[in-house]
Protein backbone atom coordinates (compact mmCIF):
# COMPACT_ATOMS: atom_id res chain seq x y z
CA MET A 1 -3.93 -28.16 2.18
CA GLU A 2 -1.74 -25.37 0.74
CA GLN A 3 -2.99 -25.31 -2.73
CA PHE A 4 -6.38 -24.32 -1.57
CA LYS A 5 -5.43 -21.74 0.87
CA ASN A 6 -4.63 -19.09 -1.76
CA LEU A 7 -7.32 -19.60 -4.31
CA GLN A 8 -8.36 -16.94 -6.61
CA ILE A 9 -12.02 -16.53 -5.89
CA MET A 10 -13.99 -15.05 -8.79
CA GLN A 11 -17.38 -13.58 -8.39
CA LYS A 12 -19.71 -11.53 -11.06
CA ASP A 13 -20.42 -7.92 -10.24
CA THR A 14 -23.23 -7.77 -12.55
CA ILE A 15 -25.28 -9.68 -15.21
CA PRO A 16 -27.18 -8.29 -18.17
CA VAL A 17 -31.01 -8.50 -17.77
CA ALA A 18 -30.86 -10.63 -21.11
CA LEU A 19 -29.63 -13.81 -19.07
CA LEU A 20 -33.01 -13.92 -17.64
CA LYS A 21 -34.36 -15.42 -20.88
CA ASN A 22 -32.40 -18.62 -19.95
CA THR A 23 -34.08 -19.16 -16.63
CA PRO A 24 -35.88 -22.40 -15.80
CA ALA A 25 -38.89 -19.84 -14.92
CA LYS A 26 -40.08 -19.81 -18.62
CA LEU A 27 -40.09 -16.04 -18.92
CA GLU A 28 -41.93 -14.62 -21.73
CA ASN A 29 -40.54 -11.13 -22.83
CA LEU A 30 -43.34 -8.58 -23.17
CA ASN A 31 -41.47 -5.93 -24.82
CA PRO A 32 -38.77 -7.85 -26.84
CA GLY A 33 -35.30 -6.52 -26.72
CA VAL A 34 -35.91 -3.57 -24.46
CA GLY A 35 -33.64 -3.03 -21.59
CA PHE A 36 -31.55 -6.27 -22.38
CA ASP A 37 -28.50 -4.39 -21.71
CA ASN A 38 -29.48 -3.18 -18.05
CA LYS A 39 -27.50 -4.51 -15.32
CA ILE A 40 -28.60 -6.93 -12.48
CA VAL A 41 -26.34 -6.21 -9.49
CA ASN A 42 -27.16 -8.85 -6.90
CA LYS A 43 -29.04 -12.04 -6.46
CA HIS A 44 -32.00 -10.66 -4.59
CA LEU A 45 -35.66 -10.21 -5.76
CA HIS A 46 -37.78 -7.24 -4.47
CA ARG A 47 -41.67 -6.90 -4.37
CA PRO A 48 -42.52 -3.22 -4.72
CA GLN A 49 -45.63 -3.23 -2.85
CA LEU A 50 -45.10 -0.04 -0.50
CA ALA A 51 -43.54 1.56 -3.56
CA LEU A 52 -46.59 1.31 -5.73
CA ALA A 53 -48.76 2.62 -2.68
CA GLY A 54 -46.38 5.83 -2.84
CA TYR A 55 -43.79 4.98 -0.21
CA VAL A 56 -40.42 4.69 -1.86
CA GLU A 57 -37.98 5.42 1.23
CA LEU A 58 -37.09 1.67 1.57
CA PHE A 59 -37.53 0.86 -2.16
CA ASN A 60 -34.82 -1.59 -3.17
CA PHE A 61 -34.91 -0.67 -6.97
CA LYS A 62 -31.46 -2.12 -7.75
CA CYS A 63 -33.25 -5.73 -7.59
CA VAL A 64 -35.33 -7.48 -10.13
CA GLN A 65 -38.81 -6.17 -9.41
CA PHE A 66 -41.54 -8.95 -8.90
CA PHE A 67 -45.20 -8.19 -9.61
CA GLY A 68 -47.38 -11.00 -7.97
CA ASN A 69 -50.93 -11.09 -7.02
CA THR A 70 -50.87 -8.38 -4.43
CA GLU A 71 -49.17 -6.05 -6.60
CA ILE A 72 -51.29 -6.67 -9.56
CA PHE A 73 -54.65 -6.78 -7.78
CA TYR A 74 -53.51 -3.51 -6.13
CA LEU A 75 -53.05 -1.89 -9.40
CA GLU A 76 -56.52 -3.19 -10.84
CA SER A 77 -58.07 -1.59 -7.94
CA LEU A 78 -57.06 1.75 -9.13
CA THR A 79 -58.21 3.95 -12.00
CA ILE A 80 -56.07 3.80 -15.08
CA GLU A 81 -54.89 7.34 -14.34
CA LYS A 82 -53.82 6.19 -10.57
CA ARG A 83 -52.14 3.29 -12.14
CA ILE A 84 -50.02 5.18 -14.35
CA GLU A 85 -49.26 7.57 -11.62
CA SER A 86 -48.24 4.58 -9.28
CA ILE A 87 -46.13 3.14 -12.04
CA SER A 88 -44.40 6.50 -12.69
CA LYS A 89 -43.17 6.49 -9.20
CA LEU A 90 -41.12 3.45 -9.76
CA LEU A 91 -39.76 4.67 -12.92
CA GLN A 92 -38.18 7.50 -10.98
CA PHE A 93 -35.58 4.88 -10.19
CA GLN A 94 -33.14 2.85 -12.59
CA ILE A 95 -34.76 -0.59 -12.03
CA PRO A 96 -33.13 -3.40 -14.17
CA CYS A 97 -36.25 -5.27 -15.01
CA VAL A 98 -39.86 -6.38 -14.04
CA VAL A 99 -41.13 -10.04 -13.68
CA ILE A 100 -44.88 -10.64 -13.69
CA THR A 101 -46.22 -13.93 -12.24
CA ASN A 102 -49.31 -16.09 -12.53
CA ASN A 103 -49.69 -15.04 -16.37
CA HIS A 104 -51.10 -11.54 -15.31
CA ARG A 105 -51.88 -9.11 -17.97
CA ILE A 106 -51.07 -5.37 -17.59
CA ASP A 107 -52.52 -2.36 -19.43
CA GLN A 108 -50.88 -1.60 -22.68
CA GLU A 109 -50.31 1.90 -21.51
CA ILE A 110 -48.31 0.69 -18.50
CA LEU A 111 -46.40 -1.60 -20.81
CA GLU A 112 -45.33 1.37 -22.91
CA LEU A 113 -44.42 3.23 -19.65
CA PHE A 114 -41.74 0.39 -18.98
CA THR A 115 -40.63 0.62 -22.61
CA LYS A 116 -40.02 4.21 -22.75
CA SER A 117 -37.98 3.67 -19.75
CA ASN A 118 -35.75 1.10 -21.22
CA ILE A 119 -37.07 -1.66 -18.75
CA ALA A 120 -37.69 -4.98 -19.63
CA VAL A 121 -41.04 -6.89 -18.69
CA PHE A 122 -41.14 -10.55 -18.37
CA ARG A 123 -44.13 -12.78 -17.57
CA THR A 124 -44.24 -16.21 -16.22
CA ASN A 125 -47.19 -18.79 -15.83
CA PHE A 126 -45.71 -19.96 -12.49
CA PRO A 127 -47.26 -18.61 -9.30
CA SER A 128 -45.12 -16.30 -7.34
CA THR A 129 -43.86 -18.73 -4.99
CA LYS A 130 -42.60 -20.98 -7.57
CA ALA A 131 -41.25 -18.13 -9.68
CA ILE A 132 -39.52 -16.60 -6.88
CA SER A 133 -37.80 -19.93 -6.06
CA LEU A 134 -36.63 -20.76 -9.55
CA LEU A 135 -35.29 -17.09 -10.30
CA SER A 136 -33.59 -17.03 -6.85
CA GLU A 137 -31.69 -20.12 -7.55
CA PHE A 138 -30.74 -18.83 -10.90
CA LEU A 139 -29.46 -15.54 -9.68
CA ASP A 140 -27.74 -17.24 -6.84
CA ASP A 141 -25.97 -19.41 -9.35
CA GLN A 142 -25.04 -16.33 -11.31
CA PHE A 143 -23.52 -14.41 -8.39
CA VAL A 144 -21.90 -17.40 -6.72
CA GLU A 145 -18.14 -17.65 -5.66
CA GLN A 146 -15.99 -19.64 -8.02
CA ALA A 147 -12.40 -20.85 -8.11
CA THR A 148 -10.34 -22.93 -10.37
CA VAL A 149 -8.39 -26.00 -9.04
CA HIS A 150 -6.26 -28.25 -10.83
CA GLY A 151 -6.94 -31.89 -10.66
CA SER A 152 -9.44 -34.58 -12.15
CA PHE A 153 -13.15 -34.59 -11.05
CA VAL A 154 -14.88 -37.87 -11.35
CA ASP A 155 -18.15 -39.35 -10.28
CA VAL A 156 -17.35 -42.83 -8.53
CA TYR A 157 -20.68 -44.66 -7.45
CA GLY A 158 -22.35 -41.28 -7.14
CA VAL A 159 -19.65 -39.68 -5.03
CA GLY A 160 -17.88 -36.77 -6.48
CA ILE A 161 -14.17 -37.28 -5.89
CA LEU A 162 -11.43 -34.69 -6.75
CA LEU A 163 -8.00 -36.44 -7.56
CA ILE A 164 -5.16 -34.15 -6.93
CA GLY A 165 -1.41 -34.26 -6.65
CA LYS A 166 1.62 -32.99 -8.31
CA SER A 167 1.93 -32.82 -12.12
CA GLY A 168 2.59 -36.30 -13.77
CA ILE A 169 1.63 -38.38 -10.66
CA GLY A 170 -1.09 -40.20 -12.84
CA LYS A 171 -4.23 -38.34 -11.96
CA SER A 172 -5.61 -38.32 -15.69
CA GLU A 173 -4.69 -41.98 -15.91
CA ILE A 174 -6.28 -43.13 -12.89
CA THR A 175 -9.30 -41.16 -14.12
CA LEU A 176 -9.30 -42.68 -17.57
CA ASP A 177 -9.27 -46.44 -15.65
CA LEU A 178 -12.13 -45.20 -13.64
CA ILE A 179 -14.14 -44.16 -16.71
CA GLU A 180 -13.10 -47.55 -18.51
CA ARG A 181 -14.69 -49.34 -15.42
CA GLY A 182 -18.05 -47.38 -15.76
CA HIS A 183 -17.54 -44.28 -13.68
CA ARG A 184 -18.27 -40.85 -15.10
CA LEU A 185 -15.90 -37.90 -15.97
CA VAL A 186 -16.82 -34.50 -14.68
CA ALA A 187 -13.63 -32.51 -15.66
CA ASP A 188 -9.86 -33.09 -16.15
CA ASP A 189 -7.03 -30.69 -15.38
CA ILE A 190 -9.07 -27.80 -14.84
CA VAL A 191 -12.05 -28.01 -12.61
CA MET A 192 -14.32 -24.90 -11.94
CA ILE A 193 -15.61 -24.97 -8.16
CA SER A 194 -18.69 -23.07 -7.29
CA LYS A 195 -19.95 -22.32 -3.84
CA LYS A 196 -23.66 -23.11 -3.56
CA GLN A 197 -25.74 -22.09 -0.47
CA ASP A 198 -22.68 -21.41 1.69
CA THR A 199 -22.50 -25.36 2.39
CA THR A 200 -22.12 -27.02 -0.82
CA LEU A 201 -19.38 -27.07 -3.64
CA MET A 202 -20.31 -28.01 -7.17
CA GLY A 203 -17.57 -28.87 -9.71
CA THR A 204 -17.83 -28.57 -13.54
CA GLY A 205 -15.48 -28.28 -16.55
CA THR A 206 -14.74 -25.30 -18.78
CA ASN A 207 -16.05 -24.47 -22.21
CA LEU A 208 -12.83 -25.00 -23.75
CA VAL A 209 -11.73 -28.24 -22.32
CA GLN A 210 -15.01 -29.85 -21.67
CA HIS A 211 -14.54 -33.65 -21.63
CA PHE A 212 -11.29 -33.79 -23.47
CA MET A 213 -8.24 -35.63 -21.60
CA GLU A 214 -4.65 -35.16 -22.09
CA ILE A 215 -3.02 -38.52 -21.51
CA ARG A 216 0.90 -38.34 -21.66
CA GLY A 217 2.52 -40.29 -24.56
CA LEU A 218 -0.83 -40.58 -26.23
CA GLY A 219 -2.16 -36.94 -26.58
CA ILE A 220 -5.70 -35.49 -26.51
CA ILE A 221 -8.80 -38.00 -26.44
CA ASP A 222 -12.55 -37.10 -26.35
CA VAL A 223 -14.06 -39.33 -23.50
CA ARG A 224 -17.55 -38.56 -24.85
CA GLN A 225 -16.99 -39.61 -28.20
CA MET A 226 -14.89 -42.45 -27.03
CA PHE A 227 -16.85 -44.01 -24.20
CA GLY A 228 -20.26 -42.63 -24.93
CA ILE A 229 -22.58 -40.39 -23.32
CA ARG A 230 -22.97 -42.53 -20.04
CA SER A 231 -19.16 -41.83 -19.35
CA ILE A 232 -19.61 -37.98 -18.72
CA ARG A 233 -21.33 -35.57 -16.29
CA PHE A 234 -21.63 -31.86 -16.67
CA GLN A 235 -21.67 -31.16 -12.99
CA LYS A 236 -21.33 -32.92 -9.64
CA ARG A 237 -21.22 -32.12 -6.03
CA LEU A 238 -17.73 -32.22 -4.46
CA GLU A 239 -17.59 -34.55 -1.62
CA LEU A 240 -14.16 -36.02 -1.51
CA ILE A 241 -10.73 -34.91 -2.05
CA VAL A 242 -8.05 -37.75 -2.85
CA GLU A 243 -4.52 -36.49 -2.42
CA LEU A 244 -2.01 -38.53 -4.58
CA GLU A 245 1.57 -38.54 -3.35
CA ASP A 246 4.64 -40.68 -4.00
CA TRP A 247 5.08 -43.25 -1.01
CA SER A 248 7.67 -42.22 1.40
CA ASN A 249 9.15 -44.33 4.20
CA SER A 250 9.26 -41.41 6.49
CA ALA A 251 5.78 -40.37 6.22
CA GLU A 252 2.97 -41.30 8.66
CA TYR A 253 -0.30 -42.62 6.89
CA THR A 254 -3.51 -43.65 8.61
CA ARG A 255 -3.99 -47.30 9.43
CA THR A 256 -7.19 -47.43 11.06
CA GLY A 257 -9.36 -44.49 9.72
CA LEU A 258 -10.74 -43.75 13.02
CA GLU A 259 -10.07 -40.15 12.67
CA ASP A 260 -11.50 -38.23 9.48
CA SER A 261 -9.26 -35.85 7.84
CA SER A 262 -10.53 -32.74 5.94
CA THR A 263 -9.59 -29.46 4.25
CA GLU A 264 -11.37 -26.15 3.37
CA ILE A 265 -12.09 -24.92 0.12
CA MET A 266 -13.86 -21.49 0.07
CA ASN A 267 -14.60 -22.00 3.72
CA VAL A 268 -16.52 -25.26 2.88
CA GLU A 269 -15.18 -28.26 4.73
CA ILE A 270 -14.53 -31.33 2.49
CA GLN A 271 -13.35 -34.92 3.55
CA LYS A 272 -9.95 -35.79 2.48
CA VAL A 273 -7.93 -38.89 2.00
CA LYS A 274 -4.02 -38.87 1.50
CA LEU A 275 -3.41 -41.98 -0.80
CA PRO A 276 0.32 -42.89 -1.10
CA ILE A 277 1.02 -44.53 -4.48
CA PHE A 278 4.00 -46.73 -5.90
CA PRO A 279 4.48 -48.99 -8.99
CA GLY A 280 1.98 -51.89 -8.95
CA LYS A 281 -0.50 -50.39 -6.48
CA ASN A 282 -4.12 -50.68 -7.89
CA VAL A 283 -5.23 -47.06 -7.14
CA THR A 284 -8.14 -47.44 -9.27
CA VAL A 285 -9.72 -50.02 -7.03
CA ILE A 286 -8.78 -48.18 -3.79
CA THR A 287 -10.60 -45.24 -5.18
CA GLU A 288 -13.52 -47.11 -5.60
CA VAL A 289 -13.32 -48.51 -2.18
CA ILE A 290 -12.75 -44.98 -0.92
CA ALA A 291 -15.98 -43.88 -2.51
CA LEU A 292 -17.88 -47.09 -1.29
CA ASN A 293 -16.52 -46.39 2.34
CA TYR A 294 -17.66 -42.76 2.18
CA LEU A 295 -21.28 -43.95 1.19
CA LEU A 296 -21.31 -46.48 3.97
CA LYS A 297 -20.22 -43.54 6.45
CA THR A 298 -22.86 -41.49 5.04
CA TYR A 299 -25.67 -44.15 5.70
CA GLY A 300 -24.41 -44.69 9.30
CA TYR A 301 -21.93 -47.39 9.10
CA ASN A 302 -18.31 -46.64 10.13
CA ALA A 303 -16.01 -49.85 9.66
CA ALA A 304 -13.19 -48.31 11.66
CA GLU A 305 -15.36 -47.69 14.66
CA LYS A 306 -17.19 -51.24 14.29
CA PHE A 307 -13.51 -52.95 14.35
CA SER A 308 -12.74 -50.50 17.23
CA GLU A 309 -15.63 -51.98 19.16
CA LYS A 310 -14.96 -55.63 18.45
CA LEU A 311 -11.27 -55.10 19.49
CA THR A 312 -12.29 -53.50 22.85
CA GLU A 313 -14.69 -56.65 23.56
CA GLN A 314 -12.02 -59.02 22.52
CA ILE A 315 -9.61 -57.46 24.82
CA LYS A 316 -12.15 -57.57 27.83
CA ARG A 317 -12.77 -61.36 27.03
CA LYS A 318 -8.99 -61.85 27.00
CA ASN A 319 -8.67 -60.30 30.45
CA ASN A 320 -11.60 -62.54 31.73
CA PRO A 321 -9.83 -65.67 33.19
CA ASN A 322 -13.12 -67.47 32.87
CA ALA A 323 -13.62 -66.82 29.08
CA HIS A 324 -13.13 -69.31 26.80
CA GLU A 325 -13.63 -68.56 23.09
CA ASP A 326 -12.13 -69.73 19.67
CA ASP A 327 -10.21 -67.01 17.86
CA ARG A 328 -11.32 -68.54 14.61
CA ILE A 329 -14.32 -66.78 12.79
CA VAL A 330 -16.29 -70.14 12.87
CA ASN A 331 -16.72 -72.18 16.37
CA TYR A 332 -16.49 -75.56 14.27
CA MET A 333 -14.41 -76.25 11.09
CA GLN A 334 -16.91 -78.50 9.29
CA GLY A 335 -15.75 -81.18 6.80
CA ASP A 336 -15.72 -79.05 3.57
CA THR A 337 -12.66 -79.46 1.55
CA GLU A 338 -13.35 -76.59 -0.93
């Protein structure tokens, strides 16, 4: 699909340490305001075990430094003089910040060393494994690849569907109809797509547009205020793309659905349905059916393949001269006049 081939991919080069205050790891800042402007340059975390012991040749100092049980217990095994000496070796490098897990405490002298070197020190109650998981996910999201696409993104029966098509074809109107039928708006017109874990695309709106919609002939409406909180979502996984296009007698459209069509966005393959429209066609209901059919396939049932199997069996029976079977769905039409 041409519109996805030349997407402008955006990715942050750095983030300030101050953003770590917003992580789900519930970080407590031990030296408030210190080092918040320091830059984190990648999503990786580092445990400076060898560096604390004096070997700094492989010290990955540009990462967030993680102090868990191993690091803290090692420091506690040293005299206060040796602890200061050990930490001083780390401070030869411009590390962005330090995170201490398991609610461990550090000497005031050590904290003052970090403060003098303008290094923020955080502490969390979570154990190392949980804290690393939470922070890694947060940093991965901060440094994720992002792109902006034009369309309407809506949650239909739990399936994230991106409606695309030329300007004025009716994407917003179809989305509005879906919302009125109980489905949920994620974003309209401008959709921010983020690549998560190399295989998943997540979509959301922008701070400016949020859940406002532009309806031609009516103007701007606020979906959240008009239809209530249950009519919106802040984010959703992108699972299906529905491309709306004007009906053309010369175009070929799938009739059986035996072959799935797909496209790539940021090297992630997404299923695609090309939907021709014309006046009077109920695109809203068809979009709902597309979502339900996707769910059936996800749970192992493919209607097209099932029909193909039945058709093959029927052909075999027709070719058997000894086979006699009624073509009706029932073998005997009972006396029911309803």
